[in-house]
């Protein structure tokens, strides 16, 4: 996802990972998959990684020009097709539910949830509260 804000205060940049993670947690919840965030940027289900987030930005003269949000989510692949050392530490939506998902539908839910989370930037306390509900290790600061 590439986002070109007309105005985006730099003080909110540390929250991009958080709102992206919250959007993924909400997306998975909509498929009845309970997940947690392992700071700073991984999503886990039952102790196994299901997703990861990478953020990059373009900043010029103290102005945020562009925000890039990269999300990797294991959807329809199966741990049966993975090497044993990988299958021990990851999971997929398909393996958790035995369902085959429309990748387009999952993408649209993620995007919708990200845009909803972006609107919460006006209430940082709310983001922090939601983050504390889903974070695995509260002693790690981002």
N, C-alpha and C. Protein backbone atom coordinates (compact mmCIF):
# COMPACT_ATOMS: atom_id res chain seq x y z
N UNK A 1 0.86 -1.17 0.00
CA UNK A 1 0.00 0.00 0.00
C UNK A 1 0.89 1.22 0.00
N UNK A 2 0.63 2.14 -0.88
CA UNK A 2 1.34 3.41 -0.91
C UNK A 2 0.34 4.51 -0.64
N UNK A 3 0.65 5.35 0.33
CA UNK A 3 -0.27 6.40 0.76
C UNK A 3 0.43 7.74 0.65
N UNK A 4 -0.20 8.69 -0.05
CA UNK A 4 0.35 10.04 -0.21
C UNK A 4 -0.53 11.01 0.56
N UNK A 5 -0.19 11.29 1.79
CA UNK A 5 -1.03 12.19 2.58
C UNK A 5 -0.86 13.63 2.15
N UNK A 6 -1.96 14.38 2.16
CA UNK A 6 -1.84 15.81 1.88
C UNK A 6 -1.15 16.51 3.04
N UNK A 7 -1.39 16.02 4.24
CA UNK A 7 -0.69 16.51 5.42
C UNK A 7 -0.64 15.37 6.43
N UNK A 8 0.57 15.05 6.87
CA UNK A 8 0.72 13.97 7.84
C UNK A 8 1.83 14.36 8.81
N UNK A 9 1.49 14.74 10.03
CA UNK A 9 2.51 15.13 11.01
C UNK A 9 3.48 13.98 11.31
N UNK A 10 4.76 14.29 11.33
CA UNK A 10 5.76 13.27 11.59
C UNK A 10 5.60 12.62 12.95
N UNK A 11 4.97 13.32 13.88
CA UNK A 11 4.80 12.74 15.22
C UNK A 11 3.94 11.48 15.19
N UNK A 12 3.16 11.30 14.12
CA UNK A 12 2.31 10.12 14.00
C UNK A 12 3.01 8.93 13.34
N UNK A 13 4.20 9.12 12.78
CA UNK A 13 4.87 8.04 12.07
C UNK A 13 5.06 6.78 12.91
N UNK A 14 5.43 6.88 14.19
CA UNK A 14 5.59 5.65 14.97
C UNK A 14 4.29 4.84 15.09
N UNK A 15 3.18 5.45 14.83
CA UNK A 15 1.89 4.75 14.96
C UNK A 15 1.47 4.01 13.69
N UNK A 16 2.20 4.18 12.60
CA UNK A 16 1.82 3.51 11.36
C UNK A 16 1.90 1.99 11.52
N UNK A 17 2.95 1.49 12.15
CA UNK A 17 3.05 0.05 12.39
C UNK A 17 1.91 -0.41 13.28
N UNK A 18 1.61 0.36 14.31
CA UNK A 18 0.54 -0.03 15.23
C UNK A 18 -0.82 -0.09 14.54
N UNK A 19 -1.16 0.94 13.76
CA UNK A 19 -2.47 0.91 13.13
C UNK A 19 -2.54 -0.17 12.05
N UNK A 20 -1.42 -0.45 11.40
CA UNK A 20 -1.39 -1.54 10.42
C UNK A 20 -1.59 -2.88 11.12
N UNK A 21 -0.92 -3.07 12.25
CA UNK A 21 -1.07 -4.31 13.01
C UNK A 21 -2.49 -4.46 13.54
N UNK A 22 -3.05 -3.37 14.05
CA UNK A 22 -4.43 -3.42 14.54
C UNK A 22 -5.39 -3.76 13.41
N UNK A 23 -5.14 -3.24 12.22
CA UNK A 23 -5.99 -3.54 11.07
C UNK A 23 -5.90 -5.02 10.72
N UNK A 24 -4.71 -5.60 10.79
CA UNK A 24 -4.57 -7.03 10.52
C UNK A 24 -5.26 -7.87 11.58
N UNK A 25 -5.11 -7.50 12.83
CA UNK A 25 -5.79 -8.23 13.91
C UNK A 25 -7.30 -8.18 13.70
N UNK A 26 -7.82 -7.02 13.34
CA UNK A 26 -9.26 -6.88 13.09
C UNK A 26 -9.69 -7.70 11.87
N UNK A 27 -8.88 -7.70 10.83
CA UNK A 27 -9.19 -8.49 9.64
C UNK A 27 -9.26 -9.97 10.00
N UNK A 28 -8.26 -10.46 10.70
CA UNK A 28 -8.27 -11.87 11.10
C UNK A 28 -9.46 -12.18 12.01
N UNK A 29 -9.78 -11.26 12.90
CA UNK A 29 -10.94 -11.44 13.79
C UNK A 29 -12.22 -11.61 12.96
N UNK A 30 -12.33 -10.89 11.86
CA UNK A 30 -13.53 -10.99 11.02
C UNK A 30 -13.67 -12.38 10.40
N UNK A 31 -12.57 -13.13 10.36
CA UNK A 31 -12.59 -14.52 9.88
C UNK A 31 -12.55 -15.51 11.06
N UNK A 32 -12.87 -15.03 12.24
CA UNK A 32 -12.88 -15.85 13.46
C UNK A 32 -11.51 -16.44 13.79
N UNK A 33 -10.47 -15.65 13.53
CA UNK A 33 -9.11 -16.04 13.88
C UNK A 33 -8.60 -15.02 14.91
N UNK A 34 -8.36 -15.49 16.12
CA UNK A 34 -7.87 -14.62 17.19
C UNK A 34 -6.35 -14.52 17.08
N UNK A 35 -5.85 -13.31 16.96
CA UNK A 35 -4.41 -13.11 16.79
C UNK A 35 -3.90 -12.07 17.77
N UNK A 36 -2.58 -12.03 17.91
CA UNK A 36 -1.93 -11.07 18.79
C UNK A 36 -0.75 -10.47 18.04
N UNK A 37 -0.30 -9.32 18.52
CA UNK A 37 0.84 -8.63 17.91
C UNK A 37 2.09 -8.91 18.72
N UNK A 38 3.13 -9.36 18.03
CA UNK A 38 4.45 -9.48 18.66
C UNK A 38 5.27 -8.30 18.16
N UNK A 39 5.52 -7.32 19.03
CA UNK A 39 6.22 -6.11 18.59
C UNK A 39 7.59 -6.43 17.99
N UNK A 40 7.98 -5.64 17.03
CA UNK A 40 7.27 -4.43 16.62
C UNK A 40 6.29 -4.64 15.47
N UNK A 41 6.40 -5.78 14.72
CA UNK A 41 5.65 -5.81 13.46
C UNK A 41 5.18 -7.19 13.02
N UNK A 42 5.00 -8.12 13.93
CA UNK A 42 4.56 -9.46 13.54
C UNK A 42 3.22 -9.79 14.19
N UNK A 43 2.44 -10.61 13.48
CA UNK A 43 1.14 -11.05 13.97
C UNK A 43 1.22 -12.56 14.20
N UNK A 44 0.79 -12.98 15.38
CA UNK A 44 0.87 -14.39 15.77
C UNK A 44 -0.50 -14.94 16.12
N UNK A 45 -0.65 -16.25 15.84
CA UNK A 45 -1.84 -17.00 16.24
C UNK A 45 -1.33 -18.29 16.89
N UNK A 46 -1.74 -18.54 18.10
CA UNK A 46 -1.34 -19.76 18.82
C UNK A 46 0.17 -19.96 18.82
N UNK A 47 0.92 -18.89 19.00
CA UNK A 47 2.37 -18.98 19.07
C UNK A 47 3.08 -19.11 17.75
N UNK A 48 2.35 -19.00 16.64
CA UNK A 48 2.97 -19.11 15.32
C UNK A 48 2.70 -17.85 14.50
N UNK A 49 3.69 -17.47 13.72
CA UNK A 49 3.58 -16.25 12.92
C UNK A 49 2.66 -16.47 11.72
N UNK A 50 1.72 -15.54 11.54
CA UNK A 50 0.82 -15.59 10.40
C UNK A 50 1.03 -14.40 9.47
N UNK A 51 1.61 -13.31 9.99
CA UNK A 51 1.77 -12.11 9.16
C UNK A 51 2.92 -11.25 9.68
N UNK A 52 3.40 -10.41 8.78
CA UNK A 52 4.43 -9.43 9.14
C UNK A 52 4.18 -8.13 8.40
N UNK A 53 4.69 -7.05 8.95
CA UNK A 53 4.47 -5.70 8.40
C UNK A 53 5.81 -5.00 8.26
N UNK A 54 6.00 -4.33 7.13
CA UNK A 54 7.17 -3.48 6.92
C UNK A 54 6.69 -2.10 6.51
N UNK A 55 7.28 -1.08 7.09
CA UNK A 55 6.89 0.31 6.80
C UNK A 55 8.10 1.06 6.26
N UNK A 56 7.87 1.87 5.25
CA UNK A 56 8.90 2.78 4.74
C UNK A 56 8.23 4.12 4.46
N UNK A 57 9.01 5.17 4.51
CA UNK A 57 8.45 6.51 4.26
C UNK A 57 9.40 7.32 3.40
N UNK A 58 8.84 8.29 2.72
CA UNK A 58 9.61 9.31 2.02
C UNK A 58 9.34 10.62 2.74
N UNK A 59 10.41 11.24 3.22
CA UNK A 59 10.28 12.51 3.93
C UNK A 59 11.17 13.53 3.24
N UNK A 60 10.59 14.69 2.95
CA UNK A 60 11.34 15.79 2.35
C UNK A 60 11.07 17.06 3.14
N UNK A 61 12.15 17.66 3.62
CA UNK A 61 12.03 18.93 4.35
C UNK A 61 10.96 18.87 5.44
N UNK A 62 11.07 17.90 6.28
CA UNK A 62 10.15 17.74 7.42
C UNK A 62 8.71 17.48 7.01
N UNK A 63 8.50 17.05 5.77
CA UNK A 63 7.15 16.75 5.30
C UNK A 63 7.09 15.29 4.86
N UNK A 64 6.08 14.57 5.32
CA UNK A 64 5.89 13.18 4.92
C UNK A 64 5.27 13.19 3.52
N UNK A 65 6.04 12.74 2.55
CA UNK A 65 5.58 12.73 1.16
C UNK A 65 4.79 11.46 0.83
N UNK A 66 5.26 10.33 1.35
CA UNK A 66 4.64 9.05 1.01
C UNK A 66 4.91 8.06 2.13
N UNK A 67 3.92 7.21 2.38
CA UNK A 67 4.05 6.13 3.36
C UNK A 67 3.81 4.82 2.62
N UNK A 68 4.74 3.89 2.76
CA UNK A 68 4.60 2.56 2.17
C UNK A 68 4.33 1.57 3.29
N UNK A 69 3.28 0.78 3.12
CA UNK A 69 2.94 -0.26 4.09
C UNK A 69 2.98 -1.59 3.35
N UNK A 70 3.93 -2.43 3.75
CA UNK A 70 4.03 -3.77 3.16
C UNK A 70 3.53 -4.80 4.16
N UNK A 71 2.63 -5.65 3.69
CA UNK A 71 2.04 -6.66 4.57
C UNK A 71 2.18 -8.03 3.91
N UNK A 72 2.72 -8.96 4.66
CA UNK A 72 2.75 -10.35 4.22
C UNK A 72 1.83 -11.15 5.12
N UNK A 73 0.82 -11.76 4.53
CA UNK A 73 -0.16 -12.54 5.30
C UNK A 73 -0.29 -13.92 4.67
N UNK A 74 -0.10 -14.96 5.46
CA UNK A 74 -0.26 -16.33 4.98
C UNK A 74 -1.75 -16.65 4.89
N UNK A 75 -2.24 -16.76 3.67
CA UNK A 75 -3.68 -16.94 3.48
C UNK A 75 -4.01 -18.38 3.10
N UNK A 76 -3.83 -18.75 1.82
CA UNK A 76 -4.27 -20.06 1.34
C UNK A 76 -3.16 -21.09 1.24
N UNK A 77 -1.92 -20.71 1.52
CA UNK A 77 -0.86 -21.70 1.51
C UNK A 77 -1.03 -22.60 2.74
N UNK A 78 -0.32 -23.73 2.73
CA UNK A 78 -0.46 -24.68 3.84
C UNK A 78 0.90 -25.02 4.40
N UNK A 79 0.94 -25.22 5.70
CA UNK A 79 2.21 -25.59 6.32
C UNK A 79 2.66 -26.97 5.86
N UNK A 80 1.74 -27.78 5.32
CA UNK A 80 2.11 -29.10 4.80
C UNK A 80 3.08 -28.98 3.63
N UNK A 81 3.05 -27.84 2.93
CA UNK A 81 3.91 -27.63 1.77
C UNK A 81 5.22 -26.93 2.14
N UNK A 82 5.45 -26.70 3.41
CA UNK A 82 6.62 -25.96 3.86
C UNK A 82 7.64 -26.90 4.49
N UNK A 83 8.92 -26.49 4.46
CA UNK A 83 9.92 -27.28 5.18
C UNK A 83 9.57 -27.36 6.67
N UNK A 84 9.97 -28.43 7.31
CA UNK A 84 9.60 -28.67 8.71
C UNK A 84 10.03 -27.53 9.63
N UNK A 85 11.24 -26.99 9.42
CA UNK A 85 11.70 -25.91 10.29
C UNK A 85 10.84 -24.66 10.15
N UNK A 86 10.21 -24.46 9.00
CA UNK A 86 9.31 -23.32 8.79
C UNK A 86 7.93 -23.64 9.36
N UNK A 87 7.43 -24.83 9.08
CA UNK A 87 6.07 -25.19 9.51
C UNK A 87 5.92 -25.22 11.03
N UNK A 88 7.03 -25.31 11.75
CA UNK A 88 6.97 -25.30 13.21
C UNK A 88 6.70 -23.90 13.77
N UNK A 89 7.00 -22.87 12.98
CA UNK A 89 6.93 -21.50 13.51
C UNK A 89 5.92 -20.60 12.80
N UNK A 90 5.28 -21.10 11.74
CA UNK A 90 4.30 -20.28 11.02
C UNK A 90 2.97 -21.00 10.93
N UNK A 91 1.94 -20.23 10.60
CA UNK A 91 0.62 -20.79 10.35
C UNK A 91 -0.03 -20.00 9.23
N UNK A 92 -1.16 -20.47 8.75
CA UNK A 92 -1.88 -19.81 7.67
C UNK A 92 -3.37 -19.75 8.00
N UNK A 93 -4.06 -18.85 7.36
CA UNK A 93 -5.51 -18.77 7.54
C UNK A 93 -6.15 -20.10 7.15
N UNK A 94 -5.70 -20.68 6.05
CA UNK A 94 -6.26 -21.94 5.58
C UNK A 94 -6.04 -23.06 6.60
N UNK A 95 -4.82 -23.15 7.13
CA UNK A 95 -4.55 -24.21 8.10
C UNK A 95 -5.36 -24.04 9.38
N UNK A 96 -5.66 -22.82 9.74
CA UNK A 96 -6.42 -22.57 10.97
C UNK A 96 -7.91 -22.86 10.82
N UNK A 97 -8.44 -22.69 9.61
CA UNK A 97 -9.89 -22.80 9.43
C UNK A 97 -10.33 -23.83 8.40
N UNK A 98 -9.40 -24.37 7.63
CA UNK A 98 -9.69 -25.29 6.52
C UNK A 98 -10.49 -24.64 5.40
N UNK A 99 -10.53 -23.33 5.38
CA UNK A 99 -11.25 -22.59 4.33
C UNK A 99 -10.27 -22.14 3.25
N UNK A 100 -10.81 -21.95 2.04
CA UNK A 100 -10.06 -21.31 0.95
C UNK A 100 -10.64 -19.91 0.83
N UNK A 101 -9.76 -18.91 0.86
CA UNK A 101 -10.19 -17.52 0.90
C UNK A 101 -9.97 -16.82 -0.43
N UNK A 102 -10.85 -15.89 -0.74
CA UNK A 102 -10.64 -14.99 -1.86
C UNK A 102 -9.58 -13.98 -1.43
N UNK A 103 -8.43 -14.02 -2.09
CA UNK A 103 -7.35 -13.11 -1.73
C UNK A 103 -7.80 -11.66 -1.91
N UNK A 104 -8.58 -11.42 -2.94
CA UNK A 104 -9.09 -10.07 -3.18
C UNK A 104 -9.98 -9.61 -2.03
N UNK A 105 -10.84 -10.48 -1.53
CA UNK A 105 -11.72 -10.11 -0.41
C UNK A 105 -10.91 -9.83 0.85
N UNK A 106 -9.90 -10.66 1.10
CA UNK A 106 -9.04 -10.43 2.28
C UNK A 106 -8.32 -9.10 2.13
N UNK A 107 -7.80 -8.83 0.95
CA UNK A 107 -7.10 -7.56 0.70
C UNK A 107 -8.03 -6.38 0.95
N UNK A 108 -9.24 -6.44 0.44
CA UNK A 108 -10.18 -5.33 0.63
C UNK A 108 -10.50 -5.12 2.11
N UNK A 109 -10.62 -6.21 2.87
CA UNK A 109 -10.86 -6.06 4.31
C UNK A 109 -9.67 -5.41 5.01
N UNK A 110 -8.47 -5.84 4.63
CA UNK A 110 -7.27 -5.24 5.23
C UNK A 110 -7.24 -3.75 4.93
N UNK A 111 -7.44 -3.38 3.66
CA UNK A 111 -7.40 -1.97 3.28
C UNK A 111 -8.47 -1.16 4.00
N UNK A 112 -9.67 -1.70 4.06
CA UNK A 112 -10.75 -1.00 4.76
C UNK A 112 -10.39 -0.79 6.23
N UNK A 113 -9.84 -1.82 6.86
CA UNK A 113 -9.46 -1.71 8.27
C UNK A 113 -8.29 -0.74 8.46
N UNK A 114 -7.34 -0.71 7.54
CA UNK A 114 -6.24 0.25 7.65
C UNK A 114 -6.77 1.67 7.59
N UNK A 115 -7.66 1.94 6.64
CA UNK A 115 -8.19 3.30 6.53
C UNK A 115 -9.02 3.68 7.75
N UNK A 116 -9.74 2.72 8.32
CA UNK A 116 -10.48 3.00 9.57
C UNK A 116 -9.52 3.30 10.71
N UNK A 117 -8.43 2.55 10.78
CA UNK A 117 -7.43 2.78 11.84
C UNK A 117 -6.74 4.13 11.65
N UNK A 118 -6.48 4.53 10.40
CA UNK A 118 -5.86 5.83 10.14
C UNK A 118 -6.70 6.95 10.74
N UNK A 119 -8.01 6.80 10.71
CA UNK A 119 -8.88 7.84 11.25
C UNK A 119 -8.73 7.97 12.77
N UNK A 120 -8.19 6.94 13.41
CA UNK A 120 -7.99 7.00 14.86
C UNK A 120 -6.75 7.79 15.25
N UNK A 121 -5.97 8.25 14.28
CA UNK A 121 -4.76 9.02 14.61
C UNK A 121 -5.09 10.29 15.38
N UNK A 122 -6.33 10.72 15.32
CA UNK A 122 -6.74 11.89 16.11
C UNK A 122 -6.92 11.54 17.59
N UNK A 123 -6.88 10.25 17.89
CA UNK A 123 -7.06 9.80 19.27
C UNK A 123 -5.99 8.75 19.59
N UNK A 124 -4.78 9.22 19.83
CA UNK A 124 -3.65 8.33 20.08
C UNK A 124 -3.91 7.43 21.29
N UNK A 125 -4.58 7.96 22.29
CA UNK A 125 -4.87 7.16 23.49
C UNK A 125 -5.69 5.93 23.14
N UNK A 126 -6.63 6.07 22.21
CA UNK A 126 -7.44 4.94 21.77
C UNK A 126 -6.57 3.89 21.08
N UNK A 127 -5.64 4.34 20.23
CA UNK A 127 -4.72 3.41 19.56
C UNK A 127 -3.89 2.67 20.61
N UNK A 128 -3.37 3.41 21.57
CA UNK A 128 -2.56 2.78 22.63
C UNK A 128 -3.37 1.76 23.42
N UNK A 129 -4.62 2.06 23.72
CA UNK A 129 -5.47 1.12 24.46
C UNK A 129 -5.72 -0.14 23.65
N UNK A 130 -6.05 0.01 22.37
CA UNK A 130 -6.27 -1.15 21.51
C UNK A 130 -5.00 -1.97 21.37
N UNK A 131 -3.87 -1.28 21.21
CA UNK A 131 -2.57 -1.95 21.11
C UNK A 131 -2.32 -2.80 22.35
N UNK A 132 -2.55 -2.23 23.51
CA UNK A 132 -2.30 -2.96 24.76
C UNK A 132 -3.19 -4.18 24.92
N UNK A 133 -4.34 -4.19 24.26
CA UNK A 133 -5.24 -5.34 24.30
C UNK A 133 -4.72 -6.51 23.48
N UNK A 134 -3.93 -6.24 22.43
CA UNK A 134 -3.53 -7.30 21.51
C UNK A 134 -2.03 -7.60 21.50
N UNK A 135 -1.24 -6.80 22.19
CA UNK A 135 0.21 -7.00 22.16
C UNK A 135 0.60 -8.18 23.04
N UNK A 136 1.56 -8.98 22.55
CA UNK A 136 2.00 -10.17 23.29
C UNK A 136 2.91 -9.84 24.45
N UNK A 137 3.85 -8.94 24.25
CA UNK A 137 4.83 -8.63 25.29
C UNK A 137 4.79 -7.14 25.56
N UNK A 138 4.07 -6.75 26.58
CA UNK A 138 3.87 -5.33 26.86
C UNK A 138 5.13 -4.61 27.31
N UNK A 139 6.20 -5.34 27.61
CA UNK A 139 7.43 -4.69 28.07
C UNK A 139 8.26 -4.13 26.92
N UNK A 140 7.92 -4.47 25.68
CA UNK A 140 8.66 -3.99 24.52
C UNK A 140 8.04 -2.70 24.04
N UNK A 141 8.82 -1.65 23.94
CA UNK A 141 8.35 -0.36 23.44
C UNK A 141 8.77 -0.19 22.00
N UNK A 142 7.90 0.37 21.19
CA UNK A 142 8.21 0.62 19.78
C UNK A 142 8.53 2.08 19.60
